Amino acid sequence: MKVSEHTNVQMPLKTVVSLITLVAVGTWAYFGVVQRITELETSKQLMEADLLKTSTQKPIDQEQYMLIEFSVQQLETMQKEMESMMSNTVNINFLKTQVSKLQEDVEKLKDKVRANGNY
């Protein structure tokens, strides 16, 4: 079989239309995927630029962070002091009972001394 410019090829019209449709759909799908990838890359670059822009701290932010750190340190100090005061409360209650007992003992001793003086 010799192929030249005068060689005839016969194809049904249905097949030709199917091939053209297939090529058109393939081209449309390819450009759709390329467009989606371009959109995603653009949005990624914009997001990274926004992150870099917002990551730089302004003086107001730095002052607020310093105030927060100072407040946290004060809170921790107060918390430790409160914890030590809780144990002091227990000690104070114990000492109150001891003082009451001592007062009762002193009163008993006074009564005995008074009783000895009456003879």
PDB file of N, CA and C in Angstrom:
ATOM      1  N   MET A   1       0.841  -1.154   0.000  1.00  0.00           N
ATOM      2  CA  MET A   1       0.000   0.000   0.000  1.00  0.00           C
ATOM      3  C   MET A   1       0.899   1.233   0.000  1.00  0.00           C
ATOM      4  N   LYS A   2       0.632   2.088  -0.905  1.00  0.00           N
ATOM      5  CA  LYS A   2       1.388   3.313  -1.025  1.00  0.00           C
ATOM      6  C   LYS A   2       0.556   4.471  -0.495  1.00  0.00           C
ATOM      7  N   VAL A   3       1.220   5.327   0.339  1.00  0.00           N
ATOM      8  CA  VAL A   3       0.532   6.486   0.908  1.00  0.00           C
ATOM      9  C   VAL A   3       1.087   7.717   0.208  1.00  0.00           C
ATOM     10  N   SER A   4       0.195   8.481  -0.339  1.00  0.00           N
ATOM     11  CA  SER A   4       0.605   9.715  -1.003  1.00  0.00           C
ATOM     12  C   SER A   4      -0.489  10.751  -0.792  1.00  0.00           C
ATOM     13  N   GLU A   5      -0.314  11.915  -1.437  1.00  0.00           N
ATOM     14  CA  GLU A   5      -1.324  12.937  -1.255  1.00  0.00           C
ATOM     15  C   GLU A   5      -2.629  12.572  -1.941  1.00  0.00           C
ATOM     16  N   HIS A   6      -2.584  11.664  -2.784  1.00  0.00           N
ATOM     17  CA  HIS A   6      -3.807  11.298  -3.499  1.00  0.00           C
ATOM     18  C   HIS A   6      -4.491  10.085  -2.889  1.00  0.00           C
ATOM     19  N   THR A   7      -3.991   9.596  -1.773  1.00  0.00           N
ATOM     20  CA  THR A   7      -4.599   8.422  -1.142  1.00  0.00           C
ATOM     21  C   THR A   7      -5.899   8.851  -0.483  1.00  0.00           C
ATOM     22  N   ASN A   8      -6.930   8.102  -0.681  1.00  0.00           N
ATOM     23  CA  ASN A   8      -8.252   8.395  -0.110  1.00  0.00           C
ATOM     24  C   ASN A   8      -8.445   7.588   1.173  1.00  0.00           C
ATOM     25  N   VAL A   9      -9.013   8.282   2.149  1.00  0.00           N
ATOM     26  CA  VAL A   9      -9.377   7.603   3.397  1.00  0.00           C
ATOM     27  C   VAL A   9     -10.863   7.835   3.581  1.00  0.00           C
ATOM     28  N   GLN A  10     -11.553   6.773   3.858  1.00  0.00           N
ATOM     29  CA  GLN A  10     -12.984   6.898   4.076  1.00  0.00           C
ATOM     30  C   GLN A  10     -13.289   6.598   5.536  1.00  0.00           C
ATOM     31  N   MET A  11     -14.067   7.533   6.138  1.00  0.00           N
ATOM     32  CA  MET A  11     -14.452   7.391   7.523  1.00  0.00           C
ATOM     33  C   MET A  11     -15.914   7.791   7.642  1.00  0.00           C
ATOM     34  N   PRO A  12     -16.643   7.088   8.475  1.00  0.00           N
ATOM     35  CA  PRO A  12     -18.040   7.502   8.646  1.00  0.00           C
ATOM     36  C   PRO A  12     -18.100   8.850   9.372  1.00  0.00           C
ATOM     37  N   LEU A  13     -19.118   9.617   9.059  1.00  0.00           N
ATOM     38  CA  LEU A  13     -19.280  10.952   9.647  1.00  0.00           C
ATOM     39  C   LEU A  13     -19.460  10.869  11.162  1.00  0.00           C
ATOM     40  N   LYS A  14     -20.077   9.824  11.637  1.00  0.00           N
ATOM     41  CA  LYS A  14     -20.295   9.615  13.064  1.00  0.00           C
ATOM     42  C   LYS A  14     -18.956   9.538  13.792  1.00  0.00           C
ATOM     43  N   THR A  15     -17.995   8.862  13.224  1.00  0.00           N
ATOM     44  CA  THR A  15     -16.675   8.719  13.837  1.00  0.00           C
ATOM     45  C   THR A  15     -15.939  10.048  13.833  1.00  0.00           C
ATOM     46  N   VAL A  16     -16.036  10.803  12.748  1.00  0.00           N
ATOM     47  CA  VAL A  16     -15.378  12.110  12.654  1.00  0.00           C
ATOM     48  C   VAL A  16     -15.948  13.051  13.716  1.00  0.00           C
ATOM     49  N   VAL A  17     -17.266  13.078  13.857  1.00  0.00           N
ATOM     50  CA  VAL A  17     -17.903  13.940  14.860  1.00  0.00           C
ATOM     51  C   VAL A  17     -17.488  13.493  16.264  1.00  0.00           C
ATOM     52  N   SER A  18     -17.419  12.214  16.511  1.00  0.00           N
ATOM     53  CA  SER A  18     -17.010  11.678  17.818  1.00  0.00           C
ATOM     54  C   SER A  18     -15.578  12.095  18.133  1.00  0.00           C
ATOM     55  N   LEU A  19     -14.668  12.009  17.144  1.00  0.00           N
ATOM     56  CA  LEU A  19     -13.279  12.408  17.360  1.00  0.00           C
ATOM     57  C   LEU A  19     -13.172  13.900  17.663  1.00  0.00           C
ATOM     58  N   ILE A  20     -13.894  14.714  16.904  1.00  0.00           N
ATOM     59  CA  ILE A  20     -13.861  16.166  17.144  1.00  0.00           C
ATOM     60  C   ILE A  20     -14.412  16.487  18.536  1.00  0.00           C
ATOM     61  N   THR A  21     -15.500  15.824  18.910  1.00  0.00           N
ATOM     62  CA  THR A  21     -16.088  16.034  20.239  1.00  0.00           C
ATOM     63  C   THR A  21     -15.127  15.591  21.332  1.00  0.00           C
ATOM     64  N   LEU A  22     -14.476  14.468  21.148  1.00  0.00           N
ATOM     65  CA  LEU A  22     -13.522  13.951  22.127  1.00  0.00           C
ATOM     66  C   LEU A  22     -12.349  14.915  22.301  1.00  0.00           C
ATOM     67  N   VAL A  23     -11.827  15.436  21.206  1.00  0.00           N
ATOM     68  CA  VAL A  23     -10.718  16.390  21.273  1.00  0.00           C
ATOM     69  C   VAL A  23     -11.175  17.680  21.965  1.00  0.00           C
ATOM     70  N   ALA A  24     -12.383  18.142  21.677  1.00  0.00           N
ATOM     71  CA  ALA A  24     -12.904  19.376  22.294  1.00  0.00           C
ATOM     72  C   ALA A  24     -13.081  19.193  23.797  1.00  0.00           C
ATOM     73  N   VAL A  25     -13.648  18.070  24.211  1.00  0.00           N
ATOM     74  CA  VAL A  25     -13.850  17.815  25.650  1.00  0.00           C
ATOM     75  C   VAL A  25     -12.512  17.662  26.358  1.00  0.00           C
ATOM     76  N   GLY A  26     -11.574  16.983  25.758  1.00  0.00           N
ATOM     77  CA  GLY A  26     -10.240  16.825  26.351  1.00  0.00           C
ATOM     78  C   GLY A  26      -9.540  18.160  26.527  1.00  0.00           C
ATOM     79  N   THR A  27      -9.620  19.027  25.507  1.00  0.00           N
ATOM     80  CA  THR A  27      -9.008  20.358  25.573  1.00  0.00           C
ATOM     81  C   THR A  27      -9.673  21.195  26.669  1.00  0.00           C
ATOM     82  N   TRP A  28     -11.015  21.148  26.732  1.00  0.00           N
ATOM     83  CA  TRP A  28     -11.764  21.904  27.739  1.00  0.00           C
ATOM     84  C   TRP A  28     -11.385  21.430  29.150  1.00  0.00           C
ATOM     85  N   ALA A  29     -11.277  20.107  29.356  1.00  0.00           N
ATOM     86  CA  ALA A  29     -10.916  19.565  30.666  1.00  0.00           C
ATOM     87  C   ALA A  29      -9.486  19.971  31.043  1.00  0.00           C
ATOM     88  N   TYR A  30      -8.570  19.918  30.091  1.00  0.00           N
ATOM     89  CA  TYR A  30      -7.179  20.295  30.355  1.00  0.00           C
ATOM     90  C   TYR A  30      -7.086  21.747  30.798  1.00  0.00           C
ATOM     91  N   PHE A  31      -7.739  22.647  30.064  1.00  0.00           N
ATOM     92  CA  PHE A  31      -7.675  24.063  30.435  1.00  0.00           C
ATOM     93  C   PHE A  31      -8.407  24.335  31.752  1.00  0.00           C
ATOM     94  N   GLY A  32      -9.435  23.561  32.064  1.00  0.00           N
ATOM     95  CA  GLY A  32     -10.124  23.689  33.353  1.00  0.00           C
ATOM     96  C   GLY A  32      -9.201  23.322  34.506  1.00  0.00           C
ATOM     97  N   VAL A  33      -8.447  22.235  34.346  1.00  0.00           N
ATOM     98  CA  VAL A  33      -7.496  21.812  35.377  1.00  0.00           C
ATOM     99  C   VAL A  33      -6.385  22.849  35.536  1.00  0.00           C
ATOM    100  N   VAL A  34      -5.875  23.337  34.415  1.00  0.00           N
ATOM    101  CA  VAL A  34      -4.816  24.359  34.471  1.00  0.00           C
ATOM    102  C   VAL A  34      -5.337  25.616  35.160  1.00  0.00           C
ATOM    103  N   GLN A  35      -6.570  26.022  34.871  1.00  0.00           N
ATOM    104  CA  GLN A  35      -7.145  27.208  35.499  1.00  0.00           C
ATOM    105  C   GLN A  35      -7.279  26.996  37.009  1.00  0.00           C
ATOM    106  N   ARG A  36      -7.744  25.834  37.419  1.00  0.00           N
ATOM    107  CA  ARG A  36      -7.913  25.539  38.854  1.00  0.00           C
ATOM    108  C   ARG A  36      -6.561  25.558  39.569  1.00  0.00           C
ATOM    109  N   ILE A  37      -5.551  24.970  38.978  1.00  0.00           N
ATOM    110  CA  ILE A  37      -4.212  24.978  39.577  1.00  0.00           C
ATOM    111  C   ILE A  37      -3.699  26.405  39.710  1.00  0.00           C
ATOM    112  N   THR A  38      -3.922  27.221  38.685  1.00  0.00           N
ATOM    113  CA  THR A  38      -3.489  28.624  38.729  1.00  0.00           C
ATOM    114  C   THR A  38      -4.213  29.372  39.855  1.00  0.00           C
ATOM    115  N   GLU A  39      -5.518  29.153  40.007  1.00  0.00           N
ATOM    116  CA  GLU A  39      -6.277  29.793  41.085  1.00  0.00           C
ATOM    117  C   GLU A  39      -5.735  29.396  42.456  1.00  0.00           C
ATOM    118  N   LEU A  40      -5.468  28.102  42.640  1.00  0.00           N
ATOM    119  CA  LEU A  40      -4.965  27.626  43.924  1.00  0.00           C
ATOM    120  C   LEU A  40      -3.587  28.203  44.235  1.00  0.00           C
ATOM    121  N   GLU A  41      -2.709  28.259  43.239  1.00  0.00           N
ATOM    122  CA  GLU A  41      -1.379  28.829  43.456  1.00  0.00           C
ATOM    123  C   GLU A  41      -1.471  30.313  43.790  1.00  0.00           C
ATOM    124  N   THR A  42      -2.358  31.020  43.112  1.00  0.00           N
ATOM    125  CA  THR A  42      -2.533  32.454  43.382  1.00  0.00           C
ATOM    126  C   THR A  42      -3.053  32.671  44.801  1.00  0.00           C
ATOM    127  N   SER A  43      -4.055  31.907  45.195  1.00  0.00           N
ATOM    128  CA  SER A  43      -4.601  32.076  46.542  1.00  0.00           C
ATOM    129  C   SER A  43      -3.557  31.699  47.602  1.00  0.00           C
ATOM    130  N   LYS A  44      -2.732  30.714  47.314  1.00  0.00           N
ATOM    131  CA  LYS A  44      -1.668  30.339  48.248  1.00  0.00           C
ATOM    132  C   LYS A  44      -0.663  31.475  48.398  1.00  0.00           C
ATOM    133  N   GLN A  45      -0.271  32.072  47.286  1.00  0.00           N
ATOM    134  CA  GLN A  45       0.682  33.180  47.338  1.00  0.00           C
ATOM    135  C   GLN A  45       0.092  34.381  48.071  1.00  0.00           C
ATOM    136  N   LEU A  46      -1.185  34.676  47.837  1.00  0.00           N
ATOM    137  CA  LEU A  46      -1.827  35.794  48.530  1.00  0.00           C
ATOM    138  C   LEU A  46      -1.906  35.525  50.037  1.00  0.00           C
ATOM    139  N   MET A  47      -2.232  34.290  50.403  1.00  0.00           N
ATOM    140  CA  MET A  47      -2.323  33.930  51.816  1.00  0.00           C
ATOM    141  C   MET A  47      -0.956  34.050  52.489  1.00  0.00           C
ATOM    142  N   GLU A  48       0.092  33.579  51.821  1.00  0.00           N
ATOM    143  CA  GLU A  48       1.442  33.686  52.387  1.00  0.00           C
ATOM    144  C   GLU A  48       1.844  35.143  52.550  1.00  0.00           C
ATOM    145  N   ALA A  49       1.487  35.983  51.571  1.00  0.00           N
ATOM    146  CA  ALA A  49       1.806  37.409  51.666  1.00  0.00           C
ATOM    147  C   ALA A  49       1.056  38.044  52.832  1.00  0.00           C
ATOM    148  N   ASP A  50      -0.209  37.667  53.016  1.00  0.00           N
ATOM    149  CA  ASP A  50      -0.983  38.194  54.141  1.00  0.00           C
ATOM    150  C   ASP A  50      -0.399  37.734  55.467  1.00  0.00           C
ATOM    151  N   LEU A  51       0.022  36.482  55.542  1.00  0.00           N
ATOM    152  CA  LEU A  51       0.620  35.976  56.776  1.00  0.00           C
ATOM    153  C   LEU A  51       1.903  36.714  57.113  1.00  0.00           C
ATOM    154  N   LEU A  52       2.724  36.946  56.109  1.00  0.00           N
ATOM    155  CA  LEU A  52       3.960  37.683  56.348  1.00  0.00           C
ATOM    156  C   LEU A  52       3.677  39.112  56.794  1.00  0.00           C
ATOM    157  N   LYS A  53       2.665  39.717  56.177  1.00  0.00           N
ATOM    158  CA  LYS A  53       2.327  41.092  56.528  1.00  0.00           C
ATOM    159  C   LYS A  53       1.800  41.164  57.964  1.00  0.00           C
ATOM    160  N   THR A  54       0.957  40.217  58.365  1.00  0.00           N
ATOM    161  CA  THR A  54       0.379  40.261  59.708  1.00  0.00           C
ATOM    162  C   THR A  54       1.322  39.715  60.766  1.00  0.00           C
ATOM    163  N   SER A  55       2.341  38.999  60.356  1.00  0.00           N
ATOM    164  CA  SER A  55       3.254  38.430  61.354  1.00  0.00           C
ATOM    165  C   SER A  55       4.187  39.477  61.944  1.00  0.00           C
ATOM    166  N   THR A  56       4.365  40.571  61.240  1.00  0.00           N
ATOM    167  CA  THR A  56       5.208  41.627  61.799  1.00  0.00           C
ATOM    168  C   THR A  56       4.438  42.300  62.925  1.00  0.00           C
ATOM    169  N   GLN A  57       5.075  42.370  64.106  1.00  0.00           N
ATOM    170  CA  GLN A  57       4.397  42.915  65.274  1.00  0.00           C
ATOM    171  C   GLN A  57       4.517  44.428  65.295  1.00  0.00           C
ATOM    172  N   LYS A  58       3.432  45.046  65.615  1.00  0.00           N
ATOM    173  CA  LYS A  58       3.418  46.482  65.752  1.00  0.00           C
ATOM    174  C   LYS A  58       3.754  46.833  67.201  1.00  0.00           C
ATOM    175  N   PRO A  59       4.194  48.040  67.464  1.00  0.00           N
ATOM    176  CA  PRO A  59       4.522  48.420  68.844  1.00  0.00           C
ATOM    177  C   PRO A  59       3.366  48.220  69.817  1.00  0.00           C
ATOM    178  N   ILE A  60       2.148  48.443  69.357  1.00  0.00           N
ATOM    179  CA  ILE A  60       0.983  48.261  70.229  1.00  0.00           C
ATOM    180  C   ILE A  60       0.876  46.793  70.637  1.00  0.00           C
ATOM    181  N   ASP A  61       1.079  45.891  69.683  1.00  0.00           N
ATOM    182  CA  ASP A  61       1.023  44.464  69.979  1.00  0.00           C
ATOM    183  C   ASP A  61       2.097  44.084  70.982  1.00  0.00           C
ATOM    184  N   GLN A  62       3.295  44.594  70.791  1.00  0.00           N
ATOM    185  CA  GLN A  62       4.385  44.261  71.704  1.00  0.00           C
ATOM    186  C   GLN A  62       4.064  44.742  73.112  1.00  0.00           C
ATOM    187  N   GLU A  63       3.488  45.926  73.225  1.00  0.00           N
ATOM    188  CA  GLU A  63       3.132  46.454  74.542  1.00  0.00           C
ATOM    189  C   GLU A  63       2.058  45.588  75.190  1.00  0.00           C
ATOM    190  N   GLN A  64       1.096  45.155  74.401  1.00  0.00           N
ATOM    191  CA  GLN A  64       0.037  44.294  74.939  1.00  0.00           C
ATOM    192  C   GLN A  64       0.607  42.963  75.407  1.00  0.00           C
ATOM    193  N   TYR A  65       1.526  42.393  74.650  1.00  0.00           N
ATOM    194  CA  TYR A  65       2.135  41.137  75.054  1.00  0.00           C
ATOM    195  C   TYR A  65       2.926  41.306  76.354  1.00  0.00           C
ATOM    196  N   MET A  66       3.616  42.441  76.480  1.00  0.00           N
ATOM    197  CA  MET A  66       4.376  42.690  77.702  1.00  0.00           C
ATOM    198  C   MET A  66       3.430  42.835  78.899  1.00  0.00           C
ATOM    199  N   LEU A  67       2.311  43.535  78.693  1.00  0.00           N
ATOM    200  CA  LEU A  67       1.335  43.684  79.767  1.00  0.00           C
ATOM    201  C   LEU A  67       0.725  42.338  80.160  1.00  0.00           C
ATOM    202  N   ILE A  68       0.458  41.501  79.184  1.00  0.00           N
ATOM    203  CA  ILE A  68      -0.085  40.175  79.468  1.00  0.00           C
ATOM    204  C   ILE A  68       0.921  39.357  80.258  1.00  0.00           C
ATOM    205  N   GLU A  69       2.183  39.383  79.858  1.00  0.00           N
ATOM    206  CA  GLU A  69       3.219  38.650  80.592  1.00  0.00           C
ATOM    207  C   GLU A  69       3.326  39.151  82.027  1.00  0.00           C
ATOM    208  N   PHE A  70       3.295  40.460  82.217  1.00  0.00           N
ATOM    209  CA  PHE A  70       3.383  41.039  83.550  1.00  0.00           C
ATOM    210  C   PHE A  70       2.186  40.605  84.396  1.00  0.00           C
ATOM    211  N   SER A  71       0.995  40.620  83.788  1.00  0.00           N
ATOM    212  CA  SER A  71      -0.212  40.214  84.508  1.00  0.00           C
ATOM    213  C   SER A  71      -0.152  38.740  84.898  1.00  0.00           C
ATOM    214  N   VAL A  72       0.367  37.923  84.019  1.00  0.00           N
ATOM    215  CA  VAL A  72       0.484  36.491  84.314  1.00  0.00           C
ATOM    216  C   VAL A  72       1.457  36.272  85.472  1.00  0.00           C
ATOM    217  N   GLN A  73       2.562  36.996  85.487  1.00  0.00           N
ATOM    218  CA  GLN A  73       3.523  36.864  86.585  1.00  0.00           C
ATOM    219  C   GLN A  73       2.890  37.294  87.904  1.00  0.00           C
ATOM    220  N   GLN A  74       2.141  38.382  87.889  1.00  0.00           N
ATOM    221  CA  GLN A  74       1.475  38.821  89.107  1.00  0.00           C
ATOM    222  C   GLN A  74       0.451  37.797  89.569  1.00  0.00           C
ATOM    223  N   LEU A  75      -0.280  37.233  88.644  1.00  0.00           N
ATOM    224  CA  LEU A  75      -1.282  36.224  88.975  1.00  0.00           C
ATOM    225  C   LEU A  75      -0.626  35.004  89.614  1.00  0.00           C
ATOM    226  N   GLU A  76       0.495  34.562  89.055  1.00  0.00           N
ATOM    227  CA  GLU A  76       1.201  33.411  89.628  1.00  0.00           C
ATOM    228  C   GLU A  76       1.679  33.719  91.041  1.00  0.00           C
ATOM    229  N   THR A  77       2.195  34.934  91.261  1.00  0.00           N
ATOM    230  CA  THR A  77       2.653  35.328  92.589  1.00  0.00           C
ATOM    231  C   THR A  77       1.484  35.324  93.572  1.00  0.00           C
ATOM    232  N   MET A  78       0.354  35.876  93.159  1.00  0.00           N
ATOM    233  CA  MET A  78      -0.819  35.905  94.024  1.00  0.00           C
ATOM    234  C   MET A  78      -1.328  34.503  94.326  1.00  0.00           C
ATOM    235  N   GLN A  79      -1.264  33.656  93.337  1.00  0.00           N
ATOM    236  CA  GLN A  79      -1.723  32.284  93.528  1.00  0.00           C
ATOM    237  C   GLN A  79      -0.853  31.565  94.563  1.00  0.00           C
ATOM    238  N   LYS A  80       0.461  31.750  94.475  1.00  0.00           N
ATOM    239  CA  LYS A  80       1.360  31.138  95.463  1.00  0.00           C
ATOM    240  C   LYS A  80       1.070  31.691  96.853  1.00  0.00           C
ATOM    241  N   GLU A  81       0.842  32.995  96.941  1.00  0.00           N
ATOM    242  CA  GLU A  81       0.552  33.616  98.229  1.00  0.00           C
ATOM    243  C   GLU A  81      -0.758  33.077  98.804  1.00  0.00           C
ATOM    244  N   MET A  82      -1.758  32.914  97.950  1.00  0.00           N
ATOM    245  CA  MET A  82      -3.039  32.359  98.403  1.00  0.00           C
ATOM    246  C   MET A  82      -2.867  30.933  98.909  1.00  0.00           C
ATOM    247  N   GLU A  83      -2.059  30.150  98.221  1.00  0.00           N
ATOM    248  CA  GLU A  83      -1.820  28.782  98.664  1.00  0.00           C
ATOM    249  C   GLU A  83      -1.138  28.766 100.025  1.00  0.00           C
ATOM    250  N   SER A  84      -0.192  29.676 100.244  1.00  0.00           N
ATOM    251  CA  SER A  84       0.464  29.723 101.549  1.00  0.00           C
ATOM    252  C   SER A  84      -0.514  30.219 102.612  1.00  0.00           C
ATOM    253  N   MET A  85      -1.435  31.093 102.251  1.00  0.00           N
ATOM    254  CA  MET A  85      -2.427  31.574 103.202  1.00  0.00           C
ATOM    255  C   MET A  85      -3.404  30.474 103.586  1.00  0.00           C
ATOM    256  N   MET A  86      -3.687  29.565 102.677  1.00  0.00           N
ATOM    257  CA  MET A  86      -4.590  28.465 103.007  1.00  0.00           C
ATOM    258  C   MET A  86      -4.003  27.612 104.115  1.00  0.00           C
ATOM    259  N   SER A  87      -2.712  27.350 104.062  1.00  0.00           N
ATOM    260  CA  SER A  87      -2.097  26.566 105.132  1.00  0.00           C
ATOM    261  C   SER A  87      -2.028  27.386 106.418  1.00  0.00           C
ATOM    262  N   ASN A  88      -1.911  28.712 106.314  1.00  0.00           N
ATOM    263  CA  ASN A  88      -1.936  29.579 107.489  1.00  0.00           C
ATOM    264  C   ASN A  88      -3.296  29.535 108.168  1.00  0.00           C
ATOM    265  N   THR A  89      -4.355  29.433 107.403  1.00  0.00           N
ATOM    266  CA  THR A  89      -5.696  29.342 107.967  1.00  0.00           C
ATOM    267  C   THR A  89      -5.811  28.104 108.840  1.00  0.00           C
ATOM    268  N   VAL A  90      -5.283  27.016 108.382  1.00  0.00           N
ATOM    269  CA  VAL A  90      -5.305  25.780 109.174  1.00  0.00           C
ATOM    270  C   VAL A  90      -4.512  25.980 110.461  1.00  0.00           C
ATOM    271  N   ASN A  91      -3.353  26.595 110.345  1.00  0.00           N
ATOM    272  CA  ASN A  91      -2.524  26.840 111.530  1.00  0.00           C
ATOM    273  C   ASN A  91      -3.221  27.795 112.500  1.00  0.00           C
ATOM    274  N   ILE A  92      -3.867  28.823 111.980  1.00  0.00           N
ATOM    275  CA  ILE A  92      -4.559  29.779 112.839  1.00  0.00           C
ATOM    276  C   ILE A  92      -5.701  29.095 113.579  1.00  0.00           C
ATOM    277  N   ASN A  93      -6.452  28.270 112.894  1.00  0.00           N
ATOM    278  CA  ASN A  93      -7.550  27.547 113.557  1.00  0.00           C
ATOM    279  C   ASN A  93      -7.007  26.632 114.645  1.00  0.00           C
ATOM    280  N   PHE A  94      -5.915  25.953 114.372  1.00  0.00           N
ATOM    281  CA  PHE A  94      -5.301  25.079 115.381  1.00  0.00           C
ATOM    282  C   PHE A  94      -4.855  25.893 116.590  1.00  0.00           C
ATOM    283  N   LEU A  95      -4.203  27.026 116.315  1.00  0.00           N
ATOM    284  CA  LEU A  95      -3.719  27.877 117.405  1.00  0.00           C
ATOM    285  C   LEU A  95      -4.872  28.467 118.207  1.00  0.00           C
ATOM    286  N   LYS A  96      -5.993  28.782 117.576  1.00  0.00           N
ATOM    287  CA  LYS A  96      -7.162  29.279 118.302  1.00  0.00           C
ATOM    288  C   LYS A  96      -7.652  28.254 119.308  1.00  0.00           C
ATOM    289  N   THR A  97      -7.716  27.004 118.872  1.00  0.00           N
ATOM    290  CA  THR A  97      -8.163  25.956 119.805  1.00  0.00           C
ATOM    291  C   THR A  97      -7.163  25.787 120.944  1.00  0.00           C
ATOM    292  N   GLN A  98      -5.871  25.906 120.644  1.00  0.00           N
ATOM    293  CA  GLN A  98      -4.848  25.777 121.683  1.00  0.00           C
ATOM    294  C   GLN A  98      -4.943  26.931 122.688  1.00  0.00           C
ATOM    295  N   VAL A  99      -5.162  28.149 122.207  1.00  0.00           N
ATOM    296  CA  VAL A  99      -5.293  29.316 123.085  1.00  0.00           C
ATOM    297  C   VAL A  99      -6.529  29.176 123.959  1.00  0.00           C
ATOM    298  N   SER A 100      -7.617  28.709 123.383  1.00  0.00           N
ATOM    299  CA  SER A 100      -8.835  28.498 124.179  1.00  0.00           C
ATOM    300  C   SER A 100      -8.583  27.493 125.282  1.00  0.00           C
ATOM    301  N   LYS A 101      -7.903  26.423 124.929  1.00  0.00           N
ATOM    302  CA  LYS A 101      -7.584  25.391 125.925  1.00  0.00           C
ATOM    303  C   LYS A 101      -6.670  25.969 127.007  1.00  0.00           C
ATOM    304  N   LEU A 102      -5.676  26.769 126.621  1.00  0.00           N
ATOM    305  CA  LEU A 102      -4.771  27.396 127.590  1.00  0.00           C
ATOM    306  C   LEU A 102      -5.533  28.350 128.507  1.00  0.00           C
ATOM    307  N   GLN A 103      -6.466  29.103 127.964  1.00  0.00           N
ATOM    308  CA  GLN A 103      -7.258  30.016 128.785  1.00  0.00           C
ATOM    309  C   GLN A 103      -8.074  29.248 129.815  1.00  0.00           C
ATOM    310  N   GLU A 104      -8.652  28.134 129.389  1.00  0.00           N
ATOM    311  CA  GLU A 104      -9.417  27.312 130.332  1.00  0.00           C
ATOM    312  C   GLU A 104      -8.502  26.766 131.421  1.00  0.00           C
ATOM    313  N   ASP A 105      -7.306  26.308 131.036  1.00  0.00           N
ATOM    314  CA  ASP A 105      -6.355  25.780 132.028  1.00  0.00           C
ATOM    315  C   ASP A 105      -5.916  26.876 132.999  1.00  0.00           C
ATOM    316  N   VAL A 106      -5.685  28.086 132.494  1.00  0.00           N
ATOM    317  CA  VAL A 106      -5.285  29.208 133.348  1.00  0.00           C
ATOM    318  C   VAL A 106      -6.401  29.549 134.331  1.00  0.00           C
ATOM    319  N   GLU A 107      -7.642  29.539 133.854  1.00  0.00           N
ATOM    320  CA  GLU A 107      -8.772  29.820 134.738  1.00  0.00           C
ATOM    321  C   GLU A 107      -8.886  28.756 135.830  1.00  0.00           C
ATOM    322  N   LYS A 108      -8.662  27.497 135.480  1.00  0.00           N
ATOM    323  CA  LYS A 108      -8.703  26.423 136.472  1.00  0.00           C
ATOM    324  C   LYS A 108      -7.604  26.623 137.513  1.00  0.00           C
ATOM    325  N   LEU A 109      -6.398  26.991 137.033  1.00  0.00           N
ATOM    326  CA  LEU A 109      -5.289  27.230 137.965  1.00  0.00           C
ATOM    327  C   LEU A 109      -5.598  28.426 138.879  1.00  0.00           C
ATOM    328  N   LYS A 110      -6.184  29.482 138.340  1.00  0.00           N
ATOM    329  CA  LYS A 110      -6.553  30.646 139.144  1.00  0.00           C
ATOM    330  C   LYS A 110      -7.553  30.248 140.231  1.00  0.00           C
ATOM    331  N   ASP A 111      -8.501  29.414 139.801  1.00  0.00           N
ATOM    332  CA  ASP A 111      -9.514  28.962 140.756  1.00  0.00           C
ATOM    333  C   ASP A 111      -8.873  28.149 141.873  1.00  0.00           C
ATOM    334  N   LYS A 112      -7.893  27.300 141.531  1.00  0.00           N
ATOM    335  CA  LYS A 112      -7.205  26.493 142.548  1.00  0.00           C
ATOM    336  C   LYS A 112      -6.395  27.379 143.486  1.00  0.00           C
ATOM    337  N   VAL A 113      -5.716  28.402 142.918  1.00  0.00           N
ATOM    338  CA  VAL A 113      -4.918  29.310 143.743  1.00  0.00           C
ATOM    339  C   VAL A 113      -5.854  30.086 144.691  1.00  0.00           C
ATOM    340  N   ARG A 114      -6.975  30.518 144.221  1.00  0.00           N
ATOM    341  CA  ARG A 114      -7.935  31.238 145.050  1.00  0.00           C
ATOM    342  C   ARG A 114      -8.482  30.325 146.145  1.00  0.00           C
ATOM    343  N   ALA A 115      -8.713  29.079 145.730  1.00  0.00           N
ATOM    344  CA  ALA A 115      -9.231  28.121 146.712  1.00  0.00           C
ATOM    345  C   ALA A 115      -8.202  27.852 147.793  1.00  0.00           C
ATOM    346  N   ASN A 116      -6.902  27.823 147.471  1.00  0.00           N
ATOM    347  CA  ASN A 116      -5.846  27.580 148.453  1.00  0.00           C
ATOM    348  C   ASN A 116      -5.690  28.796 149.378  1.00  0.00           C
ATOM    349  N   GLY A 117      -5.962  29.968 148.902  1.00  0.00           N
ATOM    350  CA  GLY A 117      -5.819  31.164 149.715  1.00  0.00           C
ATOM    351  C   GLY A 117      -6.935  31.335 150.735  1.00  0.00           C
ATOM    352  N   ASN A 118      -8.039  30.662 150.595  1.00  0.00           N
ATOM    353  CA  ASN A 118      -9.200  30.800 151.481  1.00  0.00           C
ATOM    354  C   ASN A 118      -9.061  29.987 152.755  1.00  0.00           C
ATOM    355  N   TYR A 119      -8.119  29.092 152.921  1.00  0.00           N
ATOM    356  CA  TYR A 119      -8.001  28.226 154.110  1.00  0.00           C
ATOM    357  C   TYR A 119      -7.615  28.990 155.278  1.00  0.00           C
TER     358      TYR A 119
END
